[in-house]
């Protein structure tokens, strides 16, 4: 059983999106290859083998890695231009700067007041290009960690002034997918309480559906950003 993952092309799209499109296409190619390899190696219609289970796990990991890479490429290549053109994105940029220069503005300990980050503020004011200093700091912040949750994904989207409904059709499903991804990536899918196999069993239909959904989010992300700069 093959899966169908819609492609992306550069026709009528700004060149600034080229790298993100290339990343998406390669993620799509890898996920499709894992699915094809699974179909070619599947023996009979019985339970999947440990090796076949690992193919399914790898497929999902590559899909989520593809989304992460696409998002980071969009941040590095396109976010600065979106901030210049879109009022919503510029507002998010202003909020970031406010949080950045106010130490503890996000997680303030009880009884303690915010204080200015004098070192960062001095660096910005003394620079020949103050705005670029803040932009660079924002890009480092957003690309410093991998996307490992629905919340992190939507946080990045918010900086482009992209709403959740523009890129995520089913937030509950995406939350589940990231939870499965993290069980595989951080816990090796281990289930020590199982009687037979000591790893969580994964169904072909679930894993292919998860992979397709995640790449669909990546594709919608690119298209949403494209609408901001087209």
C-alpha atoms as a PDB file:
ATOM      1  CA  UNK A   1       0.000   0.000   0.000  1.00  0.00           C
ATOM      2  CA  UNK A   2       1.597   3.272  -1.114  1.00  0.00           C
ATOM      3  CA  UNK A   3       0.997   6.664   0.422  1.00  0.00           C
ATOM      4  CA  UNK A   4       0.294   9.881  -1.425  1.00  0.00           C
ATOM      5  CA  UNK A   5       2.098  13.000  -0.208  1.00  0.00           C
ATOM      6  CA  UNK A   6       1.441  16.145  -2.300  1.00  0.00           C
ATOM      7  CA  UNK A   7       4.593  17.746  -3.727  1.00  0.00           C
ATOM      8  CA  UNK A   8       5.675  21.373  -3.588  1.00  0.00           C
ATOM      9  CA  UNK A   9       7.239  23.202  -6.505  1.00  0.00           C
ATOM     10  CA  UNK A  10       8.734  26.627  -7.037  1.00  0.00           C
ATOM     11  CA  UNK A  11       6.364  27.667  -9.818  1.00  0.00           C
ATOM     12  CA  UNK A  12       5.074  31.185  -9.127  1.00  0.00           C
ATOM     13  CA  UNK A  13       6.800  31.222  -5.718  1.00  0.00           C
ATOM     14  CA  UNK A  14       9.453  33.679  -4.483  1.00  0.00           C
ATOM     15  CA  UNK A  15      13.038  32.411  -4.740  1.00  0.00           C
ATOM     16  CA  UNK A  16      13.429  33.064  -1.020  1.00  0.00           C
ATOM     17  CA  UNK A  17      11.336  29.923  -0.431  1.00  0.00           C
ATOM     18  CA  UNK A  18      13.569  27.683  -2.550  1.00  0.00           C
ATOM     19  CA  UNK A  19      15.530  26.142   0.335  1.00  0.00           C
ATOM     20  CA  UNK A  20      12.391  25.336   2.356  1.00  0.00           C
ATOM     21  CA  UNK A  21      10.814  23.704  -0.704  1.00  0.00           C
ATOM     22  CA  UNK A  22      13.955  21.606  -1.281  1.00  0.00           C
ATOM     23  CA  UNK A  23      13.885  20.453   2.359  1.00  0.00           C
ATOM     24  CA  UNK A  24      10.203  19.522   2.106  1.00  0.00           C
ATOM     25  CA  UNK A  25      10.715  17.594  -1.130  1.00  0.00           C
ATOM     26  CA  UNK A  26      13.540  15.570   0.399  1.00  0.00           C
ATOM     27  CA  UNK A  27      11.488  14.787   3.514  1.00  0.00           C
ATOM     28  CA  UNK A  28       8.634  13.699   1.270  1.00  0.00           C
ATOM     29  CA  UNK A  29      10.998  11.502  -0.740  1.00  0.00           C
ATOM     30  CA  UNK A  30      12.423   9.836   2.383  1.00  0.00           C
ATOM     31  CA  UNK A  31       9.030   9.099   3.937  1.00  0.00           C
ATOM     32  CA  UNK A  32       7.740   7.660   0.668  1.00  0.00           C
ATOM     33  CA  UNK A  33      10.870   5.500   0.396  1.00  0.00           C
ATOM     34  CA  UNK A  34      10.358   4.091   3.909  1.00  0.00           C
ATOM     35  CA  UNK A  35       6.746   3.244   3.055  1.00  0.00           C
ATOM     36  CA  UNK A  36       7.795   1.538  -0.188  1.00  0.00           C
ATOM     37  CA  UNK A  37      10.549  -0.383   1.598  1.00  0.00           C
ATOM     38  CA  UNK A  38       8.064  -1.558   4.227  1.00  0.00           C
ATOM     39  CA  UNK A  39       5.694  -2.799   1.512  1.00  0.00           C
ATOM     40  CA  UNK A  40       8.540  -4.614  -0.259  1.00  0.00           C
ATOM     41  CA  UNK A  41       9.806  -6.349   2.883  1.00  0.00           C
ATOM     42  CA  UNK A  42       6.492  -7.172   4.559  1.00  0.00           C
ATOM     43  CA  UNK A  43       6.214 -10.929   4.904  1.00  0.00           C
ATOM     44  CA  UNK A  44       2.666 -12.247   4.773  1.00  0.00           C
ATOM     45  CA  UNK A  45      -0.263 -10.629   6.562  1.00  0.00           C
ATOM     46  CA  UNK A  46       0.639 -11.602  10.106  1.00  0.00           C
ATOM     47  CA  UNK A  47       2.089  -9.446  12.839  1.00  0.00           C
ATOM     48  CA  UNK A  48       4.937  -7.165  11.846  1.00  0.00           C
ATOM     49  CA  UNK A  49       8.481  -8.142  12.751  1.00  0.00           C
ATOM     50  CA  UNK A  50      10.766  -6.046  14.944  1.00  0.00           C
ATOM     51  CA  UNK A  51      12.584  -4.870  11.830  1.00  0.00           C
ATOM     52  CA  UNK A  52       9.337  -3.842  10.150  1.00  0.00           C
ATOM     53  CA  UNK A  53       8.307  -1.968  13.277  1.00  0.00           C
ATOM     54  CA  UNK A  54      11.582  -0.037  13.157  1.00  0.00           C
ATOM     55  CA  UNK A  55      10.896   0.941   9.548  1.00  0.00           C
ATOM     56  CA  UNK A  56       7.606   2.481  10.669  1.00  0.00           C
ATOM     57  CA  UNK A  57       9.327   4.290  13.538  1.00  0.00           C
ATOM     58  CA  UNK A  58      12.033   5.619  11.223  1.00  0.00           C
ATOM     59  CA  UNK A  59       9.399   6.848   8.786  1.00  0.00           C
ATOM     60  CA  UNK A  60       7.724   8.965  11.458  1.00  0.00           C
ATOM     61  CA  UNK A  61      11.046  10.303  12.755  1.00  0.00           C
ATOM     62  CA  UNK A  62      12.006  11.425   9.242  1.00  0.00           C
ATOM     63  CA  UNK A  63       8.614  13.083   8.780  1.00  0.00           C
ATOM     64  CA  UNK A  64       8.884  15.081  12.006  1.00  0.00           C
ATOM     65  CA  UNK A  65      12.523  15.896  11.241  1.00  0.00           C
ATOM     66  CA  UNK A  66      11.314  17.194   7.886  1.00  0.00           C
ATOM     67  CA  UNK A  67       8.792  19.493   9.544  1.00  0.00           C
ATOM     68  CA  UNK A  68      11.457  20.740  11.948  1.00  0.00           C
ATOM     69  CA  UNK A  69      13.908  21.405   9.111  1.00  0.00           C
ATOM     70  CA  UNK A  70      11.288  23.149   6.968  1.00  0.00           C
ATOM     71  CA  UNK A  71      10.254  25.414   9.845  1.00  0.00           C
ATOM     72  CA  UNK A  72      13.857  26.333  10.657  1.00  0.00           C
ATOM     73  CA  UNK A  73      14.622  27.058   7.009  1.00  0.00           C
ATOM     74  CA  UNK A  74      11.618  29.363   6.837  1.00  0.00           C
ATOM     75  CA  UNK A  75      12.767  31.108  10.007  1.00  0.00           C
ATOM     76  CA  UNK A  76      16.274  31.713   8.691  1.00  0.00           C
ATOM     77  CA  UNK A  77      15.372  32.618   5.111  1.00  0.00           C
ATOM     78  CA  UNK A  78      11.984  34.299   5.298  1.00  0.00           C
ATOM     79  CA  UNK A  79      11.010  35.464   8.788  1.00  0.00           C
ATOM     80  CA  UNK A  80      12.981  38.764   8.631  1.00  0.00           C
ATOM     81  CA  UNK A  81      11.125  39.727   5.436  1.00  0.00           C
ATOM     82  CA  UNK A  82       7.758  38.693   6.861  1.00  0.00           C
ATOM     83  CA  UNK A  83       8.408  40.875   9.915  1.00  0.00           C
ATOM     84  CA  UNK A  84       9.005  43.824   7.575  1.00  0.00           C
ATOM     85  CA  UNK A  85       5.830  43.225   5.556  1.00  0.00           C
ATOM     86  CA  UNK A  86       3.260  41.861   8.005  1.00  0.00           C
ATOM     87  CA  UNK A  87       1.849  43.900  10.888  1.00  0.00           C
ATOM     88  CA  UNK A  88       1.013  40.806  12.927  1.00  0.00           C
ATOM     89  CA  UNK A  89       4.529  39.407  12.575  1.00  0.00           C
ATOM     90  CA  UNK A  90       6.007  42.813  13.451  1.00  0.00           C
ATOM     91  CA  UNK A  91       3.865  42.915  16.586  1.00  0.00           C
ATOM     92  CA  UNK A  92       5.199  39.501  17.623  1.00  0.00           C
ATOM     93  CA  UNK A  93       8.706  40.816  16.982  1.00  0.00           C
ATOM     94  CA  UNK A  94       8.038  43.762  19.304  1.00  0.00           C
ATOM     95  CA  UNK A  95       6.751  41.384  21.992  1.00  0.00           C
ATOM     96  CA  UNK A  96       9.900  39.280  21.656  1.00  0.00           C
ATOM     97  CA  UNK A  97      12.101  42.348  22.067  1.00  0.00           C
ATOM     98  CA  UNK A  98      10.173  43.398  25.160  1.00  0.00           C
ATOM     99  CA  UNK A  99      10.585  39.962  26.721  1.00  0.00           C
ATOM    100  CA  UNK A 100      14.220  39.851  25.702  1.00  0.00           C
ATOM    101  CA  UNK A 101      15.275  43.090  27.362  1.00  0.00           C
ATOM    102  CA  UNK A 102      13.255  42.382  30.510  1.00  0.00           C
ATOM    103  CA  UNK A 103      14.941  39.610  32.448  1.00  0.00           C
ATOM    104  CA  UNK A 104      12.449  37.193  33.941  1.00  0.00           C
ATOM    105  CA  UNK A 105       9.479  38.590  32.036  1.00  0.00           C
ATOM    106  CA  UNK A 106       8.379  35.063  31.107  1.00  0.00           C
ATOM    107  CA  UNK A 107       9.163  33.113  34.278  1.00  0.00           C
ATOM    108  CA  UNK A 108       9.340  35.519  37.163  1.00  0.00           C
ATOM    109  CA  UNK A 109       9.968  34.057  40.596  1.00  0.00           C
ATOM    110  CA  UNK A 110       7.305  34.975  43.191  1.00  0.00           C
ATOM    111  CA  UNK A 111       8.155  38.223  44.932  1.00  0.00           C
ATOM    112  CA  UNK A 112      10.785  39.264  42.387  1.00  0.00           C
ATOM    113  CA  UNK A 113      10.454  42.105  39.913  1.00  0.00           C
ATOM    114  CA  UNK A 114      11.594  42.175  36.309  1.00  0.00           C
ATOM    115  CA  UNK A 115      14.955  43.765  35.587  1.00  0.00           C
ATOM    116  CA  UNK A 116      16.484  45.038  32.383  1.00  0.00           C
ATOM    117  CA  UNK A 117      19.059  42.943  30.570  1.00  0.00           C
ATOM    118  CA  UNK A 118      21.587  45.761  30.531  1.00  0.00           C
ATOM    119  CA  UNK A 119      24.208  43.760  28.639  1.00  0.00           C
ATOM    120  CA  UNK A 120      21.862  42.916  25.781  1.00  0.00           C
ATOM    121  CA  UNK A 121      20.379  46.413  25.702  1.00  0.00           C
ATOM    122  CA  UNK A 122      23.848  47.973  25.541  1.00  0.00           C
ATOM    123  CA  UNK A 123      24.833  45.639  22.724  1.00  0.00           C
ATOM    124  CA  UNK A 124      21.779  46.659  20.730  1.00  0.00           C
ATOM    125  CA  UNK A 125      22.143  50.410  21.312  1.00  0.00           C
ATOM    126  CA  UNK A 126      25.867  50.413  20.550  1.00  0.00           C
ATOM    127  CA  UNK A 127      25.472  48.484  17.322  1.00  0.00           C
ATOM    128  CA  UNK A 128      25.453  50.128  13.901  1.00  0.00           C
ATOM    129  CA  UNK A 129      22.471  47.930  13.059  1.00  0.00           C
ATOM    130  CA  UNK A 130      20.399  47.568  16.263  1.00  0.00           C
ATOM    131  CA  UNK A 131      17.442  45.968  14.506  1.00  0.00           C
ATOM    132  CA  UNK A 132      19.620  43.289  12.945  1.00  0.00           C
ATOM    133  CA  UNK A 133      21.035  42.393  16.362  1.00  0.00           C
ATOM    134  CA  UNK A 134      17.524  41.708  17.657  1.00  0.00           C
ATOM    135  CA  UNK A 135      16.522  39.843  14.494  1.00  0.00           C
ATOM    136  CA  UNK A 136      19.573  37.589  14.815  1.00  0.00           C
ATOM    137  CA  UNK A 137      18.758  36.939  18.468  1.00  0.00           C
ATOM    138  CA  UNK A 138      15.180  35.996  17.549  1.00  0.00           C
ATOM    139  CA  UNK A 139      16.361  33.593  14.845  1.00  0.00           C
ATOM    140  CA  UNK A 140      18.787  31.926  17.254  1.00  0.00           C
ATOM    141  CA  UNK A 141      16.028  31.572  19.831  1.00  0.00           C
ATOM    142  CA  UNK A 142      13.552  30.005  17.415  1.00  0.00           C
ATOM    143  CA  UNK A 143      16.063  27.632  15.805  1.00  0.00           C
ATOM    144  CA  UNK A 144      17.879  26.662  19.002  1.00  0.00           C
ATOM    145  CA  UNK A 145      15.577  23.744  19.834  1.00  0.00           C
ATOM    146  CA  UNK A 146      13.894  21.108  17.704  1.00  0.00           C
ATOM    147  CA  UNK A 147      10.131  21.096  17.282  1.00  0.00           C
ATOM    148  CA  UNK A 148       9.002  18.442  19.730  1.00  0.00           C
ATOM    149  CA  UNK A 149       5.462  19.526  20.506  1.00  0.00           C
ATOM    150  CA  UNK A 150       2.375  21.109  19.046  1.00  0.00           C
ATOM    151  CA  UNK A 151       2.951  24.136  21.283  1.00  0.00           C
ATOM    152  CA  UNK A 152       6.472  24.721  19.927  1.00  0.00           C
ATOM    153  CA  UNK A 153       5.171  24.451  16.372  1.00  0.00           C
ATOM    154  CA  UNK A 154       2.406  26.997  16.937  1.00  0.00           C
ATOM    155  CA  UNK A 155       4.823  29.311  18.746  1.00  0.00           C
ATOM    156  CA  UNK A 156       7.004  29.436  15.643  1.00  0.00           C
ATOM    157  CA  UNK A 157       3.956  29.923  13.411  1.00  0.00           C
ATOM    158  CA  UNK A 158       2.811  32.831  15.583  1.00  0.00           C
ATOM    159  CA  UNK A 159       6.012  34.725  14.798  1.00  0.00           C
ATOM    160  CA  UNK A 160       4.956  34.615  11.139  1.00  0.00           C
ATOM    161  CA  UNK A 161       1.459  35.762  12.190  1.00  0.00           C
ATOM    162  CA  UNK A 162       0.152  32.395  11.020  1.00  0.00           C
ATOM    163  CA  UNK A 163      -2.767  30.992  12.987  1.00  0.00           C
ATOM    164  CA  UNK A 164      -3.086  27.381  14.090  1.00  0.00           C
ATOM    165  CA  UNK A 165      -6.020  26.682  11.766  1.00  0.00           C
ATOM    166  CA  UNK A 166      -3.938  27.726   8.746  1.00  0.00           C
ATOM    167  CA  UNK A 167      -1.477  24.861   9.177  1.00  0.00           C
ATOM    168  CA  UNK A 168      -3.062  22.346  11.580  1.00  0.00           C
ATOM    169  CA  UNK A 169      -6.373  20.734  10.733  1.00  0.00           C
ATOM    170  CA  UNK A 170      -6.597  18.552  13.852  1.00  0.00           C
ATOM    171  CA  UNK A 171      -4.640  19.868  16.851  1.00  0.00           C
ATOM    172  CA  UNK A 172      -5.438  16.815  18.971  1.00  0.00           C
ATOM    173  CA  UNK A 173      -4.028  14.513  16.292  1.00  0.00           C
ATOM    174  CA  UNK A 174      -0.856  16.575  15.917  1.00  0.00           C
ATOM    175  CA  UNK A 175      -0.398  16.534  19.686  1.00  0.00           C
ATOM    176  CA  UNK A 176      -0.674  12.727  19.622  1.00  0.00           C
ATOM    177  CA  UNK A 177       1.830  12.477  16.774  1.00  0.00           C
ATOM    178  CA  UNK A 178       4.432  14.486  18.669  1.00  0.00           C
ATOM    179  CA  UNK A 179       3.871  12.332  21.754  1.00  0.00           C
ATOM    180  CA  UNK A 180       4.516   9.194  19.692  1.00  0.00           C
ATOM    181  CA  UNK A 181       7.534  10.838  18.091  1.00  0.00           C
ATOM    182  CA  UNK A 182       8.986  11.672  21.497  1.00  0.00           C
ATOM    183  CA  UNK A 183       8.386   8.151  22.806  1.00  0.00           C
ATOM    184  CA  UNK A 184      10.389   6.827  19.869  1.00  0.00           C
ATOM    185  CA  UNK A 185      13.134   9.469  19.872  1.00  0.00           C
ATOM    186  CA  UNK A 186      13.667   9.794  23.619  1.00  0.00           C
ATOM    187  CA  UNK A 187      12.555   6.439  25.024  1.00  0.00           C
ATOM    188  CA  UNK A 188      13.275   4.031  22.119  1.00  0.00           C
ATOM    189  CA  UNK A 189       9.566   3.167  22.259  1.00  0.00           C
ATOM    190  CA  UNK A 190      10.340   0.972  25.267  1.00  0.00           C
ATOM    191  CA  UNK A 191       7.430  -0.570  27.178  1.00  0.00           C
ATOM    192  CA  UNK A 192       8.885  -2.551  30.081  1.00  0.00           C
ATOM    193  CA  UNK A 193       5.443  -3.621  31.206  1.00  0.00           C
ATOM    194  CA  UNK A 194       4.680  -5.590  28.065  1.00  0.00           C
ATOM    195  CA  UNK A 195       4.422  -9.388  28.293  1.00  0.00           C
ATOM    196  CA  UNK A 196       6.042 -10.289  24.993  1.00  0.00           C
ATOM    197  CA  UNK A 197       7.784  -7.529  23.115  1.00  0.00           C
ATOM    198  CA  UNK A 198       9.175  -4.789  25.315  1.00  0.00           C
ATOM    199  CA  UNK A 199       8.442  -1.999  22.842  1.00  0.00           C
ATOM    200  CA  UNK A 200       5.176  -0.296  21.957  1.00  0.00           C
ATOM    201  CA  UNK A 201       3.666  -1.897  18.830  1.00  0.00           C
ATOM    202  CA  UNK A 202       2.897   0.524  16.006  1.00  0.00           C
ATOM    203  CA  UNK A 203       0.241  -0.028  13.353  1.00  0.00           C
ATOM    204  CA  UNK A 204       1.075   0.606   9.718  1.00  0.00           C
ATOM    205  CA  UNK A 205      -2.098   2.622   9.169  1.00  0.00           C
ATOM    206  CA  UNK A 206      -1.406   4.839  12.187  1.00  0.00           C
ATOM    207  CA  UNK A 207       2.234   5.526  11.361  1.00  0.00           C
ATOM    208  CA  UNK A 208       1.673   6.274   7.687  1.00  0.00           C
ATOM    209  CA  UNK A 209      -1.234   8.508   8.648  1.00  0.00           C
ATOM    210  CA  UNK A 210       0.931  10.317  11.200  1.00  0.00           C
ATOM    211  CA  UNK A 211       3.745  10.824   8.702  1.00  0.00           C
ATOM    212  CA  UNK A 212       1.388  12.152   6.038  1.00  0.00           C
ATOM    213  CA  UNK A 213      -0.276  14.524   8.521  1.00  0.00           C
ATOM    214  CA  UNK A 214       3.048  15.955   9.700  1.00  0.00           C
ATOM    215  CA  UNK A 215       4.261  16.550   6.147  1.00  0.00           C
ATOM    216  CA  UNK A 216       0.891  18.102   5.370  1.00  0.00           C
ATOM    217  CA  UNK A 217       1.547  20.570   8.194  1.00  0.00           C
ATOM    218  CA  UNK A 218       4.998  21.312   6.738  1.00  0.00           C
ATOM    219  CA  UNK A 219       3.499  21.890   3.295  1.00  0.00           C
ATOM    220  CA  UNK A 220       0.789  24.181   4.645  1.00  0.00           C
ATOM    221  CA  UNK A 221       3.441  26.087   6.594  1.00  0.00           C
ATOM    222  CA  UNK A 222       5.350  26.844   3.390  1.00  0.00           C
ATOM    223  CA  UNK A 223       2.183  27.866   1.579  1.00  0.00           C
ATOM    224  CA  UNK A 224       1.082  30.103   4.458  1.00  0.00           C
ATOM    225  CA  UNK A 225       4.460  31.837   4.496  1.00  0.00           C
ATOM    226  CA  UNK A 226       4.273  32.159   0.717  1.00  0.00           C
ATOM    227  CA  UNK A 227       1.006  34.074   1.089  1.00  0.00           C
ATOM    228  CA  UNK A 228       2.762  36.526   3.399  1.00  0.00           C
ATOM    229  CA  UNK A 229       5.423  37.529   0.873  1.00  0.00           C
ATOM    230  CA  UNK A 230       3.899  36.753  -2.532  1.00  0.00           C
END
